[in-house]
Amino acid sequence: MAIAAVNATYLPSGPTADKQILAFGPGSSQEIAYIGTATFTGDGATTSATLNYIDGTAALNFTPSAILAARSGGNTTATISVVSAVDAGNSNKTATVQFSAAPTNGGTITVTFIVLK
């Protein structure tokens, strides 16, 4: 089994189309980071999961320089945490999230992340 890939939910908003460029604000440069969440459902055996930046096929308009991620909720074992979140090297489409242990079968783990340009 494997943990199903999850699409990012951005706060307050993020890209929704291939290589979409979002403005930071009136008269400013491009957005420099995206903040979001993703909730994964564990399978009881797998310790990594795929985070789709958009939908797994559309790409960000930049290669992330870093991804900061932490567990922010969910109902799986409380001691399970995010060990790392790394761009998957597939043309800016997904990241791989590594957990400290496998989330319980059917248990959820919510990850809050920042993707830096």
C-alpha atoms as a PDB file:
ATOM      1  CA  MET A   1       0.000   0.000   0.000  1.00  0.00           C
ATOM      2  CA  ALA A   2       0.970   3.631  -0.127  1.00  0.00           C
ATOM      3  CA  ILE A   3      -0.232   6.918   1.245  1.00  0.00           C
ATOM      4  CA  ALA A   4      -2.268   8.648  -1.461  1.00  0.00           C
ATOM      5  CA  ALA A   5      -0.843  11.860  -2.915  1.00  0.00           C
ATOM      6  CA  VAL A   6      -2.594  15.003  -1.669  1.00  0.00           C
ATOM      7  CA  ASN A   7      -3.082  18.378  -3.359  1.00  0.00           C
ATOM      8  CA  ALA A   8      -1.917  21.413  -1.385  1.00  0.00           C
ATOM      9  CA  THR A   9      -4.474  23.804   0.087  1.00  0.00           C
ATOM     10  CA  TYR A  10      -2.947  27.280   0.131  1.00  0.00           C
ATOM     11  CA  LEU A  11      -3.560  29.991   2.722  1.00  0.00           C
ATOM     12  CA  PRO A  12      -5.078  32.388   1.699  1.00  0.00           C
ATOM     13  CA  SER A  13      -4.510  31.417  -1.942  1.00  0.00           C
ATOM     14  CA  GLY A  14      -1.961  29.804  -4.203  1.00  0.00           C
ATOM     15  CA  PRO A  15      -1.367  28.689  -7.760  1.00  0.00           C
ATOM     16  CA  THR A  16      -4.156  26.809  -9.514  1.00  0.00           C
ATOM     17  CA  ALA A  17      -2.720  26.417 -13.022  1.00  0.00           C
ATOM     18  CA  ASP A  18       0.523  25.321 -14.673  1.00  0.00           C
ATOM     19  CA  LYS A  19       3.364  27.801 -14.027  1.00  0.00           C
ATOM     20  CA  GLN A  20       0.913  30.456 -12.825  1.00  0.00           C
ATOM     21  CA  ILE A  21       2.553  33.622 -11.466  1.00  0.00           C
ATOM     22  CA  LEU A  22       0.844  35.274  -8.503  1.00  0.00           C
ATOM     23  CA  ALA A  23       1.482  38.880  -7.506  1.00  0.00           C
ATOM     24  CA  PHE A  24       2.613  39.598  -3.949  1.00  0.00           C
ATOM     25  CA  GLY A  25       0.557  42.785  -3.850  1.00  0.00           C
ATOM     26  CA  PRO A  26      -0.174  45.948  -5.831  1.00  0.00           C
ATOM     27  CA  GLY A  27       2.942  47.083  -7.676  1.00  0.00           C
ATOM     28  CA  SER A  28       5.151  44.408  -6.135  1.00  0.00           C
ATOM     29  CA  SER A  29       7.216  41.547  -7.476  1.00  0.00           C
ATOM     30  CA  GLN A  30       6.108  37.940  -7.761  1.00  0.00           C
ATOM     31  CA  GLU A  31       5.039  35.958  -4.724  1.00  0.00           C
ATOM     32  CA  ILE A  32       8.166  34.743  -2.890  1.00  0.00           C
ATOM     33  CA  ALA A  33       6.600  31.893  -0.888  1.00  0.00           C
ATOM     34  CA  TYR A  34       3.411  29.871  -0.609  1.00  0.00           C
ATOM     35  CA  ILE A  35       1.931  28.778   2.711  1.00  0.00           C
ATOM     36  CA  GLY A  36      -0.395  25.819   2.809  1.00  0.00           C
ATOM     37  CA  THR A  37      -1.650  22.644   4.415  1.00  0.00           C
ATOM     38  CA  ALA A  38      -2.164  19.049   3.364  1.00  0.00           C
ATOM     39  CA  THR A  39      -3.899  16.219   5.218  1.00  0.00           C
ATOM     40  CA  PHE A  40      -2.622  12.707   4.519  1.00  0.00           C
ATOM     41  CA  THR A  41      -4.360   9.449   5.435  1.00  0.00           C
ATOM     42  CA  GLY A  42      -1.980   6.785   6.687  1.00  0.00           C
ATOM     43  CA  ASP A  43      -1.799   3.157   5.600  1.00  0.00           C
ATOM     44  CA  GLY A  44      -0.048   1.846   8.722  1.00  0.00           C
ATOM     45  CA  ALA A  45       3.157   0.955   6.847  1.00  0.00           C
ATOM     46  CA  THR A  46       4.412   3.825   4.656  1.00  0.00           C
ATOM     47  CA  THR A  47       6.574   6.622   6.114  1.00  0.00           C
ATOM     48  CA  SER A  48       6.564   9.026   3.152  1.00  0.00           C
ATOM     49  CA  ALA A  49       3.923  10.710   1.040  1.00  0.00           C
ATOM     50  CA  THR A  50       3.637  12.893  -2.044  1.00  0.00           C
ATOM     51  CA  LEU A  51       2.497  16.498  -1.738  1.00  0.00           C
ATOM     52  CA  ASN A  52       1.168  17.866  -5.042  1.00  0.00           C
ATOM     53  CA  TYR A  53       1.989  21.568  -5.291  1.00  0.00           C
ATOM     54  CA  ILE A  54      -1.095  22.019  -7.474  1.00  0.00           C
ATOM     55  CA  ASP A  55      -2.567  18.765  -8.796  1.00  0.00           C
ATOM     56  CA  GLY A  56       0.463  16.579  -9.490  1.00  0.00           C
ATOM     57  CA  THR A  57       0.599  17.467 -13.189  1.00  0.00           C
ATOM     58  CA  ALA A  58       0.669  21.297 -13.171  1.00  0.00           C
ATOM     59  CA  ALA A  59       3.967  22.866 -12.081  1.00  0.00           C
ATOM     60  CA  LEU A  60       5.035  25.847  -9.996  1.00  0.00           C
ATOM     61  CA  ASN A  61       6.712  28.624 -11.962  1.00  0.00           C
ATOM     62  CA  PHE A  62       9.911  28.162  -9.918  1.00  0.00           C
ATOM     63  CA  THR A  63      12.019  25.426  -8.370  1.00  0.00           C
ATOM     64  CA  PRO A  64      11.619  25.648  -4.578  1.00  0.00           C
ATOM     65  CA  SER A  65      14.815  26.668  -2.759  1.00  0.00           C
ATOM     66  CA  ALA A  66      13.465  25.181   0.479  1.00  0.00           C
ATOM     67  CA  ILE A  67      10.341  23.708   2.014  1.00  0.00           C
ATOM     68  CA  LEU A  68       9.618  24.185   5.697  1.00  0.00           C
ATOM     69  CA  ALA A  69       7.085  21.699   7.058  1.00  0.00           C
ATOM     70  CA  ALA A  70       5.675  20.611  10.407  1.00  0.00           C
ATOM     71  CA  ARG A  71       2.808  18.522  11.712  1.00  0.00           C
ATOM     72  CA  SER A  72      -0.096  20.731  12.712  1.00  0.00           C
ATOM     73  CA  GLY A  73      -2.886  18.236  13.372  1.00  0.00           C
ATOM     74  CA  GLY A  74      -4.504  14.932  12.583  1.00  0.00           C
ATOM     75  CA  ASN A  75      -5.669  11.962  14.610  1.00  0.00           C
ATOM     76  CA  THR A  76      -2.793   9.507  14.121  1.00  0.00           C
ATOM     77  CA  THR A  77      -0.318   8.742  16.919  1.00  0.00           C
ATOM     78  CA  ALA A  78       0.671  12.035  18.562  1.00  0.00           C
ATOM     79  CA  THR A  79       4.416  11.321  18.470  1.00  0.00           C
ATOM     80  CA  ILE A  80       4.566  11.028  14.665  1.00  0.00           C
ATOM     81  CA  SER A  81       6.146  14.123  13.142  1.00  0.00           C
ATOM     82  CA  VAL A  82       7.420  15.459   9.817  1.00  0.00           C
ATOM     83  CA  VAL A  83      11.113  14.697   9.377  1.00  0.00           C
ATOM     84  CA  SER A  84      11.562  16.454   6.020  1.00  0.00           C
ATOM     85  CA  ALA A  85       9.815  17.867   2.972  1.00  0.00           C
ATOM     86  CA  VAL A  86      11.900  17.938  -0.209  1.00  0.00           C
ATOM     87  CA  ASP A  87      11.099  18.904  -3.786  1.00  0.00           C
ATOM     88  CA  ALA A  88      10.783  15.661  -5.746  1.00  0.00           C
ATOM     89  CA  GLY A  89      12.861  16.891  -8.688  1.00  0.00           C
ATOM     90  CA  ASN A  90      10.063  16.367 -11.216  1.00  0.00           C
ATOM     91  CA  SER A  91       9.906  19.808 -12.817  1.00  0.00           C
ATOM     92  CA  ASN A  92       8.287  21.566  -9.823  1.00  0.00           C
ATOM     93  CA  LYS A  93       5.175  19.379  -9.581  1.00  0.00           C
ATOM     94  CA  THR A  94       5.478  17.594  -6.218  1.00  0.00           C
ATOM     95  CA  ALA A  95       7.387  17.274  -2.956  1.00  0.00           C
ATOM     96  CA  THR A  96       8.116  14.211  -0.847  1.00  0.00           C
ATOM     97  CA  VAL A  97       7.137  14.433   2.830  1.00  0.00           C
ATOM     98  CA  GLN A  98       8.936  12.046   5.187  1.00  0.00           C
ATOM     99  CA  PHE A  99       7.365  11.110   8.549  1.00  0.00           C
ATOM    100  CA  SER A 100       9.140   9.868  11.675  1.00  0.00           C
ATOM    101  CA  ALA A 101       6.959   6.721  11.610  1.00  0.00           C
ATOM    102  CA  ALA A 102       4.095   5.358   9.556  1.00  0.00           C
ATOM    103  CA  PRO A 103       0.781   7.104  10.303  1.00  0.00           C
ATOM    104  CA  THR A 104      -1.761   4.563  11.555  1.00  0.00           C
ATOM    105  CA  ASN A 105      -3.983   2.817   9.009  1.00  0.00           C
ATOM    106  CA  GLY A 106      -6.811   5.287   8.327  1.00  0.00           C
ATOM    107  CA  GLY A 107      -5.294   7.856  10.680  1.00  0.00           C
ATOM    108  CA  THR A 108      -4.747  11.392   9.430  1.00  0.00           C
ATOM    109  CA  ILE A 109      -1.761  13.694   9.718  1.00  0.00           C
ATOM    110  CA  THR A 110      -2.055  17.347   8.754  1.00  0.00           C
ATOM    111  CA  VAL A 111       1.087  19.108   7.582  1.00  0.00           C
ATOM    112  CA  THR A 112       1.511  22.879   7.392  1.00  0.00           C
ATOM    113  CA  PHE A 113       4.249  23.987   4.994  1.00  0.00           C
ATOM    114  CA  ILE A 114       5.960  26.972   3.394  1.00  0.00           C
ATOM    115  CA  VAL A 115       7.376  26.586  -0.116  1.00  0.00           C
ATOM    116  CA  LEU A 116      10.108  29.205  -0.629  1.00  0.00           C
ATOM    117  CA  LYS A 117      11.066  30.537  -4.029  1.00  0.00           C
END
